[in-house]
Structure formats: structure tokens, C-alpha cells
Amino acid sequence: MFKEFKAFAMRGNVVDLAVGVIIGAAFSKIVSSLIEDVITPLVLKPALEAANLTKLDELTLFGTVKYGVFLSATLNFIIVAFVLFLIIKAMNAAQKKDEAAAKAAPPPPPADIQLLTEIRDLLKK
């Protein structure tokens, strides 16, 4: 049962789907951070200044561009992508190693073929 699960999990489609979901979730955080922490404050700041808001809390809440949060989300994405790259590279190497081992040792011929080969060799002598 474990071998069947391993064969299912190692198929290209399943691995590609998992990588796509993980990369998509990490990229979604970058887009959310870009909109919430960079674009929205840049768009709202002139409007807030034009409204003459004097409360420090309102200006701090809406008017501050948070580049650090965006850079953090971007760095997290790069780290996740790199770790996934290493995992996929290791999986491919292990899969190639298994394929090479399977190709390196051809199965022995059946018993009747071995017997016929021995008879042929004895007749040659």
C-alpha cells in the first residue's frame, strides 16, 4: 500500500499541482501586501491630506507606506520558491537513481533459456 501511495504521490501531475498551490499561496501574499501596504497608502495619502485630517491615528493608519512588510512578503516568497526548487531537484535525482538502478540490472533470463544456453555452450565444446 505504501508503494502505491509513493507511486501516486511521485507522479508528475500531483507534484506539479502541489507546487502550483504552494507558489500561488505565497504569491498571493505578495500581491495582498503590495495592494494593502504600498498602493493603497500612496493613493489615500493625498486624499487624507486634502481632507485635513489632524488625528495622528488616522494619518498613521492610512497614510504610512509599509515597504518593509512588502519586502518581507517578497523575501518569504523567494525562500519558499527556493526550498521547493531544492525539494523537486532532490526528488528528480532520486527518481533518476531508481530508473538507473532498474536499467543497470536486467532481469535474468528464464530457466529454460538458461538451460538451452548451457546446452549450446556444451555442444560448442
N, C-alpha and C. Protein backbone atom coordinates (compact mmCIF):
# COMPACT_ATOMS: atom_id res chain seq x y z
N MET A 1 0.82 -1.19 0.00
CA MET A 1 0.00 0.00 0.00
C MET A 1 0.87 1.26 0.00
N PHE A 2 1.98 1.22 0.75
CA PHE A 2 2.88 2.37 0.78
C PHE A 2 3.50 2.61 -0.59
N LYS A 3 3.84 1.52 -1.30
CA LYS A 3 4.43 1.66 -2.63
C LYS A 3 3.44 2.30 -3.60
N GLU A 4 2.17 1.93 -3.47
CA GLU A 4 1.14 2.52 -4.33
C GLU A 4 0.99 4.01 -4.05
N PHE A 5 1.00 4.36 -2.75
CA PHE A 5 0.89 5.77 -2.39
C PHE A 5 2.10 6.55 -2.89
N LYS A 6 3.29 5.98 -2.75
CA LYS A 6 4.51 6.64 -3.22
C LYS A 6 4.45 6.85 -4.73
N ALA A 7 4.00 5.82 -5.47
CA ALA A 7 3.89 5.95 -6.92
C ALA A 7 2.88 7.03 -7.29
N PHE A 8 1.77 7.11 -6.55
CA PHE A 8 0.76 8.14 -6.81
C PHE A 8 1.30 9.53 -6.50
N ALA A 9 1.97 9.67 -5.36
CA ALA A 9 2.46 10.98 -4.94
C ALA A 9 3.61 11.48 -5.80
N MET A 10 4.38 10.58 -6.37
CA MET A 10 5.53 10.98 -7.16
C MET A 10 5.19 11.21 -8.63
N ARG A 11 3.96 10.97 -9.00
CA ARG A 11 3.59 11.25 -10.40
C ARG A 11 3.71 12.74 -10.65
N GLY A 12 4.04 13.08 -11.85
CA GLY A 12 4.30 14.48 -12.21
C GLY A 12 3.12 15.39 -11.96
N ASN A 13 1.91 14.95 -12.25
CA ASN A 13 0.75 15.82 -12.12
C ASN A 13 0.49 16.20 -10.67
N VAL A 14 0.63 15.25 -9.76
CA VAL A 14 0.37 15.54 -8.35
C VAL A 14 1.42 16.51 -7.80
N VAL A 15 2.66 16.27 -8.13
CA VAL A 15 3.73 17.15 -7.66
C VAL A 15 3.58 18.55 -8.25
N ASP A 16 3.28 18.62 -9.54
CA ASP A 16 3.09 19.93 -10.18
C ASP A 16 1.93 20.70 -9.54
N LEU A 17 0.84 20.00 -9.24
CA LEU A 17 -0.30 20.65 -8.60
C LEU A 17 0.06 21.17 -7.22
N ALA A 18 0.79 20.36 -6.45
CA ALA A 18 1.18 20.79 -5.10
C ALA A 18 2.10 22.01 -5.16
N VAL A 19 3.05 21.99 -6.07
CA VAL A 19 3.96 23.13 -6.22
C VAL A 19 3.17 24.37 -6.64
N GLY A 20 2.23 24.20 -7.56
CA GLY A 20 1.43 25.33 -8.01
C GLY A 20 0.61 25.94 -6.90
N VAL A 21 0.03 25.11 -6.05
CA VAL A 21 -0.77 25.62 -4.93
C VAL A 21 0.11 26.37 -3.94
N ILE A 22 1.26 25.82 -3.62
CA ILE A 22 2.16 26.47 -2.65
C ILE A 22 2.69 27.79 -3.20
N ILE A 23 3.14 27.80 -4.44
CA ILE A 23 3.65 29.02 -5.06
C ILE A 23 2.53 30.05 -5.18
N GLY A 24 1.33 29.60 -5.54
CA GLY A 24 0.19 30.51 -5.66
C GLY A 24 -0.15 31.17 -4.34
N ALA A 25 -0.12 30.40 -3.25
CA ALA A 25 -0.41 30.98 -1.94
C ALA A 25 0.66 31.99 -1.53
N ALA A 26 1.91 31.67 -1.79
CA ALA A 26 2.99 32.61 -1.44
C ALA A 26 2.91 33.87 -2.30
N PHE A 27 2.59 33.72 -3.58
CA PHE A 27 2.49 34.89 -4.46
C PHE A 27 1.27 35.74 -4.10
N SER A 28 0.22 35.08 -3.63
CA SER A 28 -0.97 35.82 -3.19
C SER A 28 -0.64 36.76 -2.04
N LYS A 29 0.25 36.33 -1.15
CA LYS A 29 0.67 37.20 -0.04
C LYS A 29 1.43 38.42 -0.56
N ILE A 30 2.23 38.24 -1.60
CA ILE A 30 2.95 39.38 -2.18
C ILE A 30 1.96 40.38 -2.76
N VAL A 31 0.98 39.89 -3.51
CA VAL A 31 0.01 40.78 -4.14
C VAL A 31 -0.81 41.51 -3.08
N SER A 32 -1.25 40.79 -2.05
CA SER A 32 -2.02 41.42 -0.97
C SER A 32 -1.20 42.49 -0.28
N SER A 33 0.05 42.20 0.01
CA SER A 33 0.91 43.18 0.66
C SER A 33 1.15 44.39 -0.23
N LEU A 34 1.36 44.16 -1.50
CA LEU A 34 1.57 45.27 -2.42
C LEU A 34 0.37 46.20 -2.43
N ILE A 35 -0.81 45.63 -2.48
CA ILE A 35 -2.02 46.45 -2.53
C ILE A 35 -2.27 47.14 -1.19
N GLU A 36 -2.24 46.37 -0.09
CA GLU A 36 -2.59 46.92 1.22
C GLU A 36 -1.52 47.83 1.80
N ASP A 37 -0.26 47.49 1.59
CA ASP A 37 0.81 48.20 2.28
C ASP A 37 1.53 49.24 1.44
N VAL A 38 1.40 49.19 0.12
CA VAL A 38 2.12 50.14 -0.72
C VAL A 38 1.16 51.00 -1.55
N ILE A 39 0.34 50.34 -2.37
CA ILE A 39 -0.50 51.10 -3.30
C ILE A 39 -1.59 51.89 -2.59
N THR A 40 -2.32 51.24 -1.69
CA THR A 40 -3.42 51.92 -1.01
C THR A 40 -2.95 53.15 -0.23
N PRO A 41 -1.90 53.07 0.57
CA PRO A 41 -1.45 54.28 1.26
C PRO A 41 -1.01 55.39 0.30
N LEU A 42 -0.38 55.02 -0.82
CA LEU A 42 0.04 56.04 -1.77
C LEU A 42 -1.16 56.73 -2.42
N VAL A 43 -2.22 55.98 -2.65
CA VAL A 43 -3.41 56.55 -3.27
C VAL A 43 -4.21 57.35 -2.24
N LEU A 44 -4.28 56.88 -1.00
CA LEU A 44 -5.10 57.54 0.00
C LEU A 44 -4.43 58.74 0.66
N LYS A 45 -3.12 58.77 0.65
CA LYS A 45 -2.43 59.85 1.37
C LYS A 45 -2.81 61.24 0.86
N PRO A 46 -2.82 61.48 -0.46
CA PRO A 46 -3.25 62.82 -0.91
C PRO A 46 -4.70 63.13 -0.54
N ALA A 47 -5.55 62.12 -0.57
CA ALA A 47 -6.95 62.35 -0.21
C ALA A 47 -7.08 62.68 1.26
N LEU A 48 -6.31 62.01 2.10
CA LEU A 48 -6.36 62.29 3.54
C LEU A 48 -5.79 63.67 3.85
N GLU A 49 -4.73 64.05 3.16
CA GLU A 49 -4.16 65.37 3.38
C GLU A 49 -5.12 66.46 2.89
N ALA A 50 -5.83 66.18 1.80
CA ALA A 50 -6.79 67.16 1.29
C ALA A 50 -7.98 67.29 2.23
N ALA A 51 -8.29 66.24 2.96
CA ALA A 51 -9.41 66.30 3.91
C ALA A 51 -9.01 66.97 5.22
N ASN A 52 -7.73 67.33 5.34
CA ASN A 52 -7.22 68.00 6.54
C ASN A 52 -7.48 67.20 7.82
N LEU A 53 -7.17 65.92 7.76
CA LEU A 53 -7.30 65.11 8.96
C LEU A 53 -6.16 65.46 9.90
N THR A 54 -6.50 65.73 11.11
CA THR A 54 -5.49 66.14 12.07
C THR A 54 -5.19 65.06 13.10
N LYS A 55 -6.02 64.04 13.14
CA LYS A 55 -5.78 62.98 14.12
C LYS A 55 -4.58 62.15 13.68
N LEU A 56 -3.66 61.98 14.57
CA LEU A 56 -2.44 61.24 14.27
C LEU A 56 -2.75 59.78 13.97
N ASP A 57 -3.74 59.22 14.68
CA ASP A 57 -4.08 57.81 14.46
C ASP A 57 -4.57 57.57 13.05
N GLU A 58 -5.40 58.45 12.53
CA GLU A 58 -5.94 58.26 11.19
C GLU A 58 -4.85 58.39 10.13
N LEU A 59 -3.97 59.35 10.30
CA LEU A 59 -2.88 59.52 9.34
C LEU A 59 -1.91 58.34 9.40
N THR A 60 -1.63 57.86 10.59
CA THR A 60 -0.71 56.74 10.74
C THR A 60 -1.32 55.47 10.17
N LEU A 61 -2.62 55.31 10.39
CA LEU A 61 -3.29 54.09 9.95
C LEU A 61 -3.35 54.01 8.43
N PHE A 62 -3.71 55.12 7.78
CA PHE A 62 -3.94 55.07 6.35
C PHE A 62 -2.81 55.65 5.51
N GLY A 63 -2.02 56.52 6.08
CA GLY A 63 -1.07 57.25 5.25
C GLY A 63 0.34 56.72 5.20
N THR A 64 0.64 55.66 5.94
CA THR A 64 2.02 55.17 6.00
C THR A 64 2.23 54.03 5.01
N VAL A 65 3.21 54.19 4.16
CA VAL A 65 3.58 53.13 3.23
C VAL A 65 4.51 52.18 3.97
N LYS A 66 4.14 50.91 3.94
CA LYS A 66 4.89 49.90 4.69
C LYS A 66 5.72 49.05 3.72
N TYR A 67 6.84 49.61 3.30
CA TYR A 67 7.71 48.89 2.37
C TYR A 67 8.30 47.64 3.01
N GLY A 68 8.55 47.70 4.29
CA GLY A 68 9.14 46.55 4.98
C GLY A 68 8.25 45.33 4.95
N VAL A 69 6.96 45.52 5.12
CA VAL A 69 6.03 44.40 5.08
C VAL A 69 6.01 43.79 3.68
N PHE A 70 6.02 44.65 2.66
CA PHE A 70 6.05 44.16 1.28
C PHE A 70 7.35 43.42 0.99
N LEU A 71 8.48 43.97 1.42
CA LEU A 71 9.76 43.28 1.20
C LEU A 71 9.82 41.96 1.95
N SER A 72 9.21 41.91 3.13
CA SER A 72 9.16 40.67 3.89
C SER A 72 8.35 39.60 3.15
N ALA A 73 7.22 39.99 2.60
CA ALA A 73 6.41 39.04 1.83
C ALA A 73 7.17 38.56 0.60
N THR A 74 7.89 39.46 -0.05
CA THR A 74 8.68 39.09 -1.23
C THR A 74 9.80 38.13 -0.84
N LEU A 75 10.48 38.41 0.25
CA LEU A 75 11.56 37.53 0.71
C LEU A 75 11.01 36.15 1.09
N ASN A 76 9.85 36.12 1.75
CA ASN A 76 9.24 34.83 2.08
C ASN A 76 8.93 34.03 0.82
N PHE A 77 8.44 34.71 -0.22
CA PHE A 77 8.15 34.04 -1.48
C PHE A 77 9.42 33.45 -2.09
N ILE A 78 10.49 34.21 -2.08
CA ILE A 78 11.74 33.73 -2.66
C ILE A 78 12.26 32.52 -1.89
N ILE A 79 12.16 32.55 -0.57
CA ILE A 79 12.62 31.43 0.24
C ILE A 79 11.78 30.19 -0.04
N VAL A 80 10.45 30.35 -0.08
CA VAL A 80 9.57 29.21 -0.36
C VAL A 80 9.86 28.63 -1.74
N ALA A 81 10.03 29.50 -2.73
CA ALA A 81 10.32 29.03 -4.09
C ALA A 81 11.65 28.28 -4.14
N PHE A 82 12.66 28.78 -3.44
CA PHE A 82 13.97 28.12 -3.44
C PHE A 82 13.91 26.76 -2.76
N VAL A 83 13.20 26.68 -1.64
CA VAL A 83 13.07 25.39 -0.94
C VAL A 83 12.32 24.39 -1.81
N LEU A 84 11.27 24.84 -2.48
CA LEU A 84 10.55 23.95 -3.38
C LEU A 84 11.46 23.48 -4.52
N PHE A 85 12.29 24.39 -5.03
CA PHE A 85 13.24 24.01 -6.07
C PHE A 85 14.17 22.91 -5.58
N LEU A 86 14.69 23.05 -4.37
CA LEU A 86 15.59 22.03 -3.82
C LEU A 86 14.87 20.69 -3.63
N ILE A 87 13.61 20.75 -3.17
CA ILE A 87 12.86 19.52 -2.96
C ILE A 87 12.61 18.81 -4.29
N ILE A 88 12.19 19.57 -5.29
CA ILE A 88 11.93 18.97 -6.61
C ILE A 88 13.21 18.43 -7.23
N LYS A 89 14.31 19.16 -7.04
CA LYS A 89 15.60 18.69 -7.56
C LYS A 89 16.01 17.37 -6.91
N ALA A 90 15.81 17.26 -5.59
CA ALA A 90 16.14 16.01 -4.88
C ALA A 90 15.22 14.88 -5.32
N MET A 91 13.95 15.18 -5.53
CA MET A 91 13.02 14.14 -6.00
C MET A 91 13.41 13.64 -7.38
N ASN A 92 13.77 14.56 -8.26
CA ASN A 92 14.18 14.17 -9.62
C ASN A 92 15.46 13.34 -9.59
N ALA A 93 16.40 13.71 -8.73
CA ALA A 93 17.64 12.95 -8.62
C ALA A 93 17.37 11.54 -8.09
N ALA A 94 16.49 11.43 -7.10
CA ALA A 94 16.16 10.11 -6.56
C ALA A 94 15.43 9.27 -7.59
N GLN A 95 14.56 9.91 -8.37
CA GLN A 95 13.83 9.19 -9.40
C GLN A 95 14.78 8.70 -10.50
N LYS A 96 15.73 9.54 -10.90
CA LYS A 96 16.71 9.12 -11.91
C LYS A 96 17.58 7.99 -11.39
N LYS A 97 17.92 8.04 -10.10
CA LYS A 97 18.73 7.00 -9.50
C LYS A 97 17.97 5.67 -9.51
N ASP A 98 16.69 5.70 -9.19
CA ASP A 98 15.87 4.49 -9.22
C ASP A 98 15.76 3.95 -10.64
N GLU A 99 15.59 4.84 -11.61
CA GLU A 99 15.49 4.40 -13.00
C GLU A 99 16.81 3.81 -13.48
N ALA A 100 17.93 4.43 -13.08
CA ALA A 100 19.24 3.91 -13.48
C ALA A 100 19.48 2.54 -12.86
N ALA A 101 19.08 2.36 -11.62
CA ALA A 101 19.26 1.06 -10.97
C ALA A 101 18.40 0.00 -11.65
N ALA A 102 17.22 0.38 -12.08
CA ALA A 102 16.36 -0.58 -12.76
C ALA A 102 16.92 -0.96 -14.13
N LYS A 103 17.53 0.00 -14.81
CA LYS A 103 18.10 -0.27 -16.13
C LYS A 103 19.42 -1.02 -16.03
N ALA A 104 20.19 -0.80 -14.98
CA ALA A 104 21.53 -1.37 -14.85
C ALA A 104 21.49 -2.88 -14.68
N ALA A 105 20.52 -3.39 -13.98
CA ALA A 105 20.46 -4.83 -13.73
C ALA A 105 19.30 -5.42 -14.50
N PRO A 106 19.58 -5.93 -15.71
CA PRO A 106 18.49 -6.55 -16.46
C PRO A 106 18.06 -7.84 -15.77
N PRO A 107 16.82 -8.18 -15.88
CA PRO A 107 16.37 -9.40 -15.21
C PRO A 107 17.03 -10.63 -15.84
N PRO A 108 17.31 -11.64 -15.04
CA PRO A 108 17.93 -12.85 -15.58
C PRO A 108 16.95 -13.55 -16.53
N PRO A 109 17.49 -14.24 -17.53
CA PRO A 109 16.61 -14.95 -18.46
C PRO A 109 15.88 -16.09 -17.74
N PRO A 110 14.79 -16.50 -18.28
CA PRO A 110 14.05 -17.62 -17.66
C PRO A 110 14.91 -18.89 -17.60
N ALA A 111 14.48 -19.82 -16.78
CA ALA A 111 15.26 -21.05 -16.55
C ALA A 111 15.42 -21.86 -17.82
N ASP A 112 14.39 -21.95 -18.64
CA ASP A 112 14.51 -22.76 -19.86
C ASP A 112 15.52 -22.14 -20.84
N ILE A 113 15.58 -20.82 -20.90
CA ILE A 113 16.56 -20.16 -21.77
C ILE A 113 17.97 -20.40 -21.24
N GLN A 114 18.14 -20.35 -19.93
CA GLN A 114 19.46 -20.63 -19.34
C GLN A 114 19.90 -22.05 -19.66
N LEU A 115 18.96 -22.99 -19.54
CA LEU A 115 19.28 -24.38 -19.83
C LEU A 115 19.68 -24.56 -21.30
N LEU A 116 18.94 -23.93 -22.18
CA LEU A 116 19.28 -24.03 -23.61
C LEU A 116 20.64 -23.38 -23.90
N THR A 117 20.94 -22.29 -23.22
CA THR A 117 22.24 -21.63 -23.40
C THR A 117 23.37 -22.54 -22.94
N GLU A 118 23.19 -23.23 -21.82
CA GLU A 118 24.21 -24.15 -21.32
C GLU A 118 24.41 -25.32 -22.29
N ILE A 119 23.30 -25.83 -22.83
CA ILE A 119 23.40 -26.93 -23.80
C ILE A 119 24.15 -26.46 -25.04
N ARG A 120 23.84 -25.27 -25.51
CA ARG A 120 24.54 -24.73 -26.69
C ARG A 120 26.03 -24.60 -26.41
N ASP A 121 26.39 -24.07 -25.23
CA ASP A 121 27.80 -23.91 -24.89
C ASP A 121 28.50 -25.26 -24.80
N LEU A 122 27.82 -26.28 -24.26
CA LEU A 122 28.43 -27.62 -24.18
C LEU A 122 28.61 -28.24 -25.55
N LEU A 123 27.64 -27.98 -26.45
CA LEU A 123 27.78 -28.53 -27.80
C LEU A 123 28.91 -27.86 -28.58
N LYS A 124 29.16 -26.58 -28.28
CA LYS A 124 30.26 -25.90 -28.94
C LYS A 124 31.60 -26.49 -28.54
N LYS A 125 31.71 -26.97 -27.30
CA LYS A 125 32.96 -27.55 -26.82
C LYS A 125 33.15 -28.88 -27.45
